[in-house]
């Protein structure tokens, strides 16, 4: 019989992970904004870039997953 072990993040791990991912997401958005302004792009264009950036989409998903994990962790 094969046993599967899943690492359960404790509350401190969840909080730290959310902070780190959120901080990185903000820095990436700022970088896109700064570069767009240097290129004098219209606001709607760089908003579109931010909304469609795969890395930012993945970071948002990771934050949502961590939030879900945090909520299920707090129920116990």
Protein backbone atom coordinates (compact mmCIF):
# COMPACT_ATOMS: atom_id res chain seq x y z
CA UNK A 1 0.00 0.00 0.00
CA UNK A 2 1.34 3.36 -1.03
CA UNK A 3 0.85 6.29 1.33
CA UNK A 4 0.61 9.83 0.04
CA UNK A 5 1.75 12.63 2.28
CA UNK A 6 0.63 16.16 1.66
CA UNK A 7 2.38 19.05 3.29
CA UNK A 8 -0.16 21.19 5.02
CA UNK A 9 0.92 24.79 5.28
CA UNK A 10 0.48 26.31 8.68
CA UNK A 11 -0.97 29.78 9.12
CA UNK A 12 2.45 31.44 9.29
CA UNK A 13 3.57 29.74 6.04
CA UNK A 14 0.36 30.84 4.32
CA UNK A 15 0.74 34.43 5.48
CA UNK A 16 4.38 34.61 4.42
CA UNK A 17 3.64 33.03 1.03
CA UNK A 18 0.80 35.49 0.38
CA UNK A 19 3.03 38.44 1.32
CA UNK A 20 5.88 37.30 -0.92
CA UNK A 21 3.69 36.57 -3.92
CA UNK A 22 1.74 39.79 -3.47
CA UNK A 23 4.95 41.81 -3.19
CA UNK A 24 6.37 40.23 -6.35
CA UNK A 25 3.08 40.81 -8.20
CA UNK A 26 3.13 44.51 -7.25
CA UNK A 27 6.76 44.90 -8.35
CA UNK A 28 6.00 43.26 -11.69
CA UNK A 29 2.96 45.50 -12.25
CA UNK A 30 5.07 48.55 -11.37
CA UNK A 31 7.78 47.44 -13.80
CA UNK A 32 5.22 47.11 -16.60
CA UNK A 33 3.77 50.51 -15.71
CA UNK A 34 7.20 52.19 -15.60
CA UNK A 35 8.27 50.74 -18.94
CA UNK A 36 4.95 51.61 -20.52
CA UNK A 37 5.25 55.20 -19.35
CA UNK A 38 8.80 55.43 -20.72
CA UNK A 39 7.46 54.23 -24.05
CA UNK A 40 4.60 56.73 -23.73
CA UNK A 41 1.99 54.06 -24.25
CA UNK A 42 -1.66 54.94 -23.72
CA UNK A 43 -3.07 53.93 -20.32
CA UNK A 44 -5.54 51.45 -21.79
CA UNK A 45 -2.67 49.63 -23.56
CA UNK A 46 -0.58 49.02 -20.45
CA UNK A 47 -3.70 48.07 -18.48
CA UNK A 48 -4.37 45.51 -21.20
CA UNK A 49 -0.79 44.23 -20.92
CA UNK A 50 -1.15 43.89 -17.13
CA UNK A 51 -4.50 42.12 -17.43
CA UNK A 52 -3.24 39.67 -20.07
CA UNK A 53 0.25 38.98 -18.71
CA UNK A 54 0.59 35.22 -18.10
CA UNK A 55 2.90 35.61 -15.13
CA UNK A 56 0.53 38.07 -13.44
CA UNK A 57 -2.41 35.77 -14.17
CA UNK A 58 -0.52 32.88 -12.53
CA UNK A 59 0.36 35.04 -9.52
CA UNK A 60 -3.29 36.06 -9.09
CA UNK A 61 -4.29 32.40 -9.27
CA UNK A 62 -1.64 31.46 -6.70
CA UNK A 63 -2.91 34.17 -4.36
CA UNK A 64 -6.49 32.93 -4.79
CA UNK A 65 -5.37 29.36 -4.07
CA UNK A 66 -3.50 30.46 -0.95
CA UNK A 67 -6.54 32.41 0.20
CA UNK A 68 -8.71 29.33 -0.28
CA UNK A 69 -6.17 27.24 1.63
CA UNK A 70 -6.07 29.87 4.37
CA UNK A 71 -9.86 29.87 4.67
CA UNK A 72 -10.05 26.07 4.85
CA UNK A 73 -7.17 26.04 7.35
CA UNK A 74 -8.96 28.52 9.62
CA UNK A 75 -12.06 26.31 9.80
CA UNK A 76 -10.18 23.72 11.84
